[in-house]
């Protein structure tokens, strides 16, 4: 996989995690916004783990 593609997807995953974490302090625990923020962080972390796994596997 070309490094440009992996760098692009890594940035997307990092942005998802960063935006999810940035929204959490402003949400009330138990609200739908809080749940959406936590899910965004989890999905972003899983996405980033998959990207790292693919890069390590290809090297």
PDB file of N, CA and C in Angstrom:
ATOM      1  N   UNK A   1       0.844  -1.167   0.000  1.00  0.00           N
ATOM      2  CA  UNK A   1       0.000   0.000   0.000  1.00  0.00           C
ATOM      3  C   UNK A   1       0.897   1.240   0.000  1.00  0.00           C
ATOM      4  N   UNK A   2       0.629   2.198  -0.877  1.00  0.00           N
ATOM      5  CA  UNK A   2       1.471   3.397  -0.934  1.00  0.00           C
ATOM      6  C   UNK A   2       1.412   4.193   0.376  1.00  0.00           C
ATOM      7  N   UNK A   3       2.521   4.803   0.763  1.00  0.00           N
ATOM      8  CA  UNK A   3       2.548   5.554   2.029  1.00  0.00           C
ATOM      9  C   UNK A   3       1.562   6.724   2.052  1.00  0.00           C
ATOM     10  N   UNK A   4       1.267   7.286   0.897  1.00  0.00           N
ATOM     11  CA  UNK A   4       0.324   8.410   0.866  1.00  0.00           C
ATOM     12  C   UNK A   4      -1.077   7.975   1.303  1.00  0.00           C
ATOM     13  N   UNK A   5      -1.466   6.772   0.894  1.00  0.00           N
ATOM     14  CA  UNK A   5      -2.785   6.261   1.271  1.00  0.00           C
ATOM     15  C   UNK A   5      -2.862   5.987   2.766  1.00  0.00           C
ATOM     16  N   UNK A   6      -1.836   5.342   3.290  1.00  0.00           N
ATOM     17  CA  UNK A   6      -1.864   5.034   4.718  1.00  0.00           C
ATOM     18  C   UNK A   6      -1.807   6.301   5.557  1.00  0.00           C
ATOM     19  N   UNK A   7      -1.034   7.287   5.105  1.00  0.00           N
ATOM     20  CA  UNK A   7      -0.965   8.556   5.833  1.00  0.00           C
ATOM     21  C   UNK A   7      -2.324   9.259   5.813  1.00  0.00           C
ATOM     22  N   UNK A   8      -3.008   9.218   4.680  1.00  0.00           N
ATOM     23  CA  UNK A   8      -4.329   9.827   4.563  1.00  0.00           C
ATOM     24  C   UNK A   8      -5.317   9.178   5.530  1.00  0.00           C
ATOM     25  N   UNK A   9      -5.378   7.843   5.530  1.00  0.00           N
ATOM     26  CA  UNK A   9      -6.324   7.151   6.397  1.00  0.00           C
ATOM     27  C   UNK A   9      -5.951   7.279   7.866  1.00  0.00           C
ATOM     28  N   UNK A  10      -4.649   7.362   8.165  1.00  0.00           N
ATOM     29  CA  UNK A  10      -4.212   7.585   9.533  1.00  0.00           C
ATOM     30  C   UNK A  10      -4.685   8.956  10.020  1.00  0.00           C
ATOM     31  N   UNK A  11      -4.587   9.958   9.156  1.00  0.00           N
ATOM     32  CA  UNK A  11      -5.068  11.303   9.527  1.00  0.00           C
ATOM     33  C   UNK A  11      -6.571  11.323   9.743  1.00  0.00           C
ATOM     34  N   UNK A  12      -7.314  10.602   8.919  1.00  0.00           N
ATOM     35  CA  UNK A  12      -8.768  10.532   9.090  1.00  0.00           C
ATOM     36  C   UNK A  12      -9.102   9.899  10.444  1.00  0.00           C
ATOM     37  N   UNK A  13      -8.444   8.786  10.769  1.00  0.00           N
ATOM     38  CA  UNK A  13      -8.699   8.110  12.049  1.00  0.00           C
ATOM     39  C   UNK A  13      -8.334   9.014  13.220  1.00  0.00           C
ATOM     40  N   UNK A  14      -7.204   9.711  13.115  1.00  0.00           N
ATOM     41  CA  UNK A  14      -6.784  10.612  14.189  1.00  0.00           C
ATOM     42  C   UNK A  14      -7.783  11.754  14.357  1.00  0.00           C
ATOM     43  N   UNK A  15      -8.306  12.272  13.259  1.00  0.00           N
ATOM     44  CA  UNK A  15      -9.289  13.352  13.323  1.00  0.00           C
ATOM     45  C   UNK A  15     -10.574  12.874  13.995  1.00  0.00           C
ATOM     46  N   UNK A  16     -11.015  11.668  13.669  1.00  0.00           N
ATOM     47  CA  UNK A  16     -12.222  11.116  14.301  1.00  0.00           C
ATOM     48  C   UNK A  16     -12.024  11.007  15.813  1.00  0.00           C
ATOM     49  N   UNK A  17     -10.871  10.490  16.224  1.00  0.00           N
ATOM     50  CA  UNK A  17     -10.583  10.356  17.657  1.00  0.00           C
ATOM     51  C   UNK A  17     -10.512  11.726  18.325  1.00  0.00           C
ATOM     52  N   UNK A  18      -9.800  12.649  17.702  1.00  0.00           N
ATOM     53  CA  UNK A  18      -9.625  13.978  18.283  1.00  0.00           C
ATOM     54  C   UNK A  18     -10.954  14.714  18.432  1.00  0.00           C
ATOM     55  N   UNK A  19     -11.795  14.669  17.409  1.00  0.00           N
ATOM     56  CA  UNK A  19     -13.091  15.348  17.498  1.00  0.00           C
ATOM     57  C   UNK A  19     -14.013  14.684  18.512  1.00  0.00           C
ATOM     58  N   UNK A  20     -13.952  13.353  18.607  1.00  0.00           N
ATOM     59  CA  UNK A  20     -14.757  12.664  19.609  1.00  0.00           C
ATOM     60  C   UNK A  20     -14.336  13.032  21.022  1.00  0.00           C
ATOM     61  N   UNK A  21     -13.012  13.087  21.247  1.00  0.00           N
ATOM     62  CA  UNK A  21     -12.509  13.461  22.576  1.00  0.00           C
ATOM     63  C   UNK A  21     -12.783  14.932  22.893  1.00  0.00           C
ATOM     64  N   UNK A  22     -12.719  15.783  21.880  1.00  0.00           N
ATOM     65  CA  UNK A  22     -12.946  17.209  22.110  1.00  0.00           C
ATOM     66  C   UNK A  22     -14.395  17.508  22.494  1.00  0.00           C
ATOM     67  N   UNK A  23     -15.323  16.700  22.018  1.00  0.00           N
ATOM     68  CA  UNK A  23     -16.728  16.958  22.318  1.00  0.00           C
ATOM     69  C   UNK A  23     -17.167  16.401  23.677  1.00  0.00           C
ATOM     70  N   UNK A  24     -16.435  15.435  24.213  1.00  0.00           N
ATOM     71  CA  UNK A  24     -16.872  14.777  25.450  1.00  0.00           C
ATOM     72  C   UNK A  24     -16.997  15.702  26.665  1.00  0.00           C
ATOM     73  N   UNK A  25     -16.066  16.642  26.903  1.00  0.00           N
ATOM     74  CA  UNK A  25     -16.227  17.483  28.096  1.00  0.00           C
ATOM     75  C   UNK A  25     -17.476  18.361  28.083  1.00  0.00           C
ATOM     76  N   UNK A  26     -18.047  18.581  26.923  1.00  0.00           N
ATOM     77  CA  UNK A  26     -19.208  19.457  26.808  1.00  0.00           C
ATOM     78  C   UNK A  26     -20.529  18.697  26.801  1.00  0.00           C
ATOM     79  N   UNK A  27     -20.461  17.383  26.917  1.00  0.00           N
ATOM     80  CA  UNK A  27     -21.665  16.562  26.897  1.00  0.00           C
ATOM     81  C   UNK A  27     -21.979  16.067  28.307  1.00  0.00           C
ATOM     82  N   UNK A  28     -23.251  15.936  28.569  1.00  0.00           N
ATOM     83  CA  UNK A  28     -23.688  15.406  29.850  1.00  0.00           C
ATOM     84  C   UNK A  28     -23.586  13.877  29.816  1.00  0.00           C
ATOM     85  N   UNK A  29     -22.952  13.273  30.821  1.00  0.00           N
ATOM     86  CA  UNK A  29     -22.857  11.806  30.805  1.00  0.00           C
ATOM     87  C   UNK A  29     -24.247  11.167  30.736  1.00  0.00           C
ATOM     88  N   UNK A  30     -24.383  10.209  29.857  1.00  0.00           N
ATOM     89  CA  UNK A  30     -25.664   9.533  29.672  1.00  0.00           C
ATOM     90  C   UNK A  30     -26.501  10.111  28.565  1.00  0.00           C
ATOM     91  N   UNK A  31     -26.117  11.276  28.049  1.00  0.00           N
ATOM     92  CA  UNK A  31     -26.880  11.871  26.958  1.00  0.00           C
ATOM     93  C   UNK A  31     -26.495  11.215  25.638  1.00  0.00           C
ATOM     94  N   UNK A  32     -27.315  11.456  24.626  1.00  0.00           N
ATOM     95  CA  UNK A  32     -27.030  10.855  23.321  1.00  0.00           C
ATOM     96  C   UNK A  32     -25.759  11.435  22.710  1.00  0.00           C
ATOM     97  N   UNK A  33     -25.470  12.691  22.976  1.00  0.00           N
ATOM     98  CA  UNK A  33     -24.234  13.290  22.475  1.00  0.00           C
ATOM     99  C   UNK A  33     -22.995  12.666  23.098  1.00  0.00           C
ATOM    100  N   UNK A  34     -23.084  12.338  24.368  1.00  0.00           N
ATOM    101  CA  UNK A  34     -21.971  11.679  25.053  1.00  0.00           C
ATOM    102  C   UNK A  34     -21.738  10.285  24.478  1.00  0.00           C
ATOM    103  N   UNK A  35     -22.819   9.563  24.257  1.00  0.00           N
ATOM    104  CA  UNK A  35     -22.708   8.215  23.688  1.00  0.00           C
ATOM    105  C   UNK A  35     -22.115   8.289  22.285  1.00  0.00           C
ATOM    106  N   UNK A  36     -22.547   9.264  21.496  1.00  0.00           N
ATOM    107  CA  UNK A  36     -22.006   9.427  20.145  1.00  0.00           C
ATOM    108  C   UNK A  36     -20.518   9.761  20.191  1.00  0.00           C
ATOM    109  N   UNK A  37     -20.111  10.588  21.141  1.00  0.00           N
ATOM    110  CA  UNK A  37     -18.694  10.917  21.283  1.00  0.00           C
ATOM    111  C   UNK A  37     -17.846   9.716  21.666  1.00  0.00           C
ATOM    112  N   UNK A  38     -18.347   8.920  22.603  1.00  0.00           N
ATOM    113  CA  UNK A  38     -17.618   7.713  23.024  1.00  0.00           C
ATOM    114  C   UNK A  38     -17.533   6.725  21.865  1.00  0.00           C
ATOM    115  N   UNK A  39     -18.626   6.559  21.132  1.00  0.00           N
ATOM    116  CA  UNK A  39     -18.605   5.657  19.984  1.00  0.00           C
ATOM    117  C   UNK A  39     -17.634   6.145  18.910  1.00  0.00           C
ATOM    118  N   UNK A  40     -17.567   7.452  18.700  1.00  0.00           N
ATOM    119  CA  UNK A  40     -16.629   7.998  17.719  1.00  0.00           C
ATOM    120  C   UNK A  40     -15.186   7.691  18.125  1.00  0.00           C
ATOM    121  N   UNK A  41     -14.877   7.831  19.401  1.00  0.00           N
ATOM    122  CA  UNK A  41     -13.525   7.534  19.880  1.00  0.00           C
ATOM    123  C   UNK A  41     -13.215   6.045  19.708  1.00  0.00           C
ATOM    124  N   UNK A  42     -14.169   5.196  20.045  1.00  0.00           N
ATOM    125  CA  UNK A  42     -13.947   3.747  19.917  1.00  0.00           C
ATOM    126  C   UNK A  42     -13.770   3.348  18.453  1.00  0.00           C
ATOM    127  N   UNK A  43     -14.631   3.848  17.587  1.00  0.00           N
ATOM    128  CA  UNK A  43     -14.541   3.522  16.162  1.00  0.00           C
ATOM    129  C   UNK A  43     -13.241   4.054  15.574  1.00  0.00           C
ATOM    130  N   UNK A  44     -12.863   5.271  15.953  1.00  0.00           N
ATOM    131  CA  UNK A  44     -11.601   5.826  15.474  1.00  0.00           C
ATOM    132  C   UNK A  44     -10.401   5.021  15.940  1.00  0.00           C
ATOM    133  N   UNK A  45     -10.436   4.554  17.187  1.00  0.00           N
ATOM    134  CA  UNK A  45      -9.324   3.757  17.716  1.00  0.00           C
ATOM    135  C   UNK A  45      -9.230   2.407  17.013  1.00  0.00           C
ATOM    136  N   UNK A  46     -10.360   1.780  16.759  1.00  0.00           N
ATOM    137  CA  UNK A  46     -10.361   0.502  16.038  1.00  0.00           C
ATOM    138  C   UNK A  46      -9.866   0.711  14.616  1.00  0.00           C
ATOM    139  N   UNK A  47     -10.320   1.777  13.984  1.00  0.00           N
ATOM    140  CA  UNK A  47      -9.899   2.103  12.625  1.00  0.00           C
ATOM    141  C   UNK A  47      -8.389   2.330  12.575  1.00  0.00           C
ATOM    142  N   UNK A  48      -7.857   3.054  13.546  1.00  0.00           N
ATOM    143  CA  UNK A  48      -6.423   3.306  13.587  1.00  0.00           C
ATOM    144  C   UNK A  48      -5.646   2.013  13.842  1.00  0.00           C
ATOM    145  N   UNK A  49      -6.164   1.155  14.698  1.00  0.00           N
ATOM    146  CA  UNK A  49      -5.499  -0.124  14.959  1.00  0.00           C
ATOM    147  C   UNK A  49      -5.452  -0.974  13.693  1.00  0.00           C
ATOM    148  N   UNK A  50      -6.518  -0.954  12.912  1.00  0.00           N
ATOM    149  CA  UNK A  50      -6.529  -1.701  11.653  1.00  0.00           C
ATOM    150  C   UNK A  50      -5.507  -1.131  10.678  1.00  0.00           C
ATOM    151  N   UNK A  51      -5.411   0.183  10.608  1.00  0.00           N
ATOM    152  CA  UNK A  51      -4.432   0.812   9.712  1.00  0.00           C
ATOM    153  C   UNK A  51      -3.018   0.439  10.132  1.00  0.00           C
ATOM    154  N   UNK A  52      -2.724   0.506  11.419  1.00  0.00           N
ATOM    155  CA  UNK A  52      -1.393   0.140  11.909  1.00  0.00           C
ATOM    156  C   UNK A  52      -1.103  -1.322  11.612  1.00  0.00           C
ATOM    157  N   UNK A  53      -2.091  -2.186  11.790  1.00  0.00           N
ATOM    158  CA  UNK A  53      -1.909  -3.607  11.511  1.00  0.00           C
ATOM    159  C   UNK A  53      -1.608  -3.842  10.029  1.00  0.00           C
ATOM    160  N   UNK A  54      -2.317  -3.154   9.148  1.00  0.00           N
ATOM    161  CA  UNK A  54      -2.093  -3.305   7.709  1.00  0.00           C
ATOM    162  C   UNK A  54      -0.689  -2.823   7.336  1.00  0.00           C
ATOM    163  N   UNK A  55      -0.264  -1.700   7.899  1.00  0.00           N
ATOM    164  CA  UNK A  55       1.072  -1.173   7.587  1.00  0.00           C
ATOM    165  C   UNK A  55       2.146  -2.131   8.073  1.00  0.00           C
ATOM    166  N   UNK A  56       2.015  -2.632   9.291  1.00  0.00           N
ATOM    167  CA  UNK A  56       3.020  -3.558   9.824  1.00  0.00           C
ATOM    168  C   UNK A  56       3.027  -4.872   9.036  1.00  0.00           C
ATOM    169  N   UNK A  57       1.868  -5.310   8.601  1.00  0.00           N
ATOM    170  CA  UNK A  57       1.784  -6.552   7.838  1.00  0.00           C
ATOM    171  C   UNK A  57       2.446  -6.398   6.460  1.00  0.00           C
ATOM    172  N   UNK A  58       2.336  -5.223   5.867  1.00  0.00           N
ATOM    173  CA  UNK A  58       2.872  -5.018   4.523  1.00  0.00           C
ATOM    174  C   UNK A  58       4.381  -4.791   4.515  1.00  0.00           C
ATOM    175  N   UNK A  59       4.970  -4.541   5.666  1.00  0.00           N
ATOM    176  CA  UNK A  59       6.420  -4.291   5.707  1.00  0.00           C
ATOM    177  C   UNK A  59       7.216  -5.540   5.916  1.00  0.00           C
TER     178      UNK A  59
END
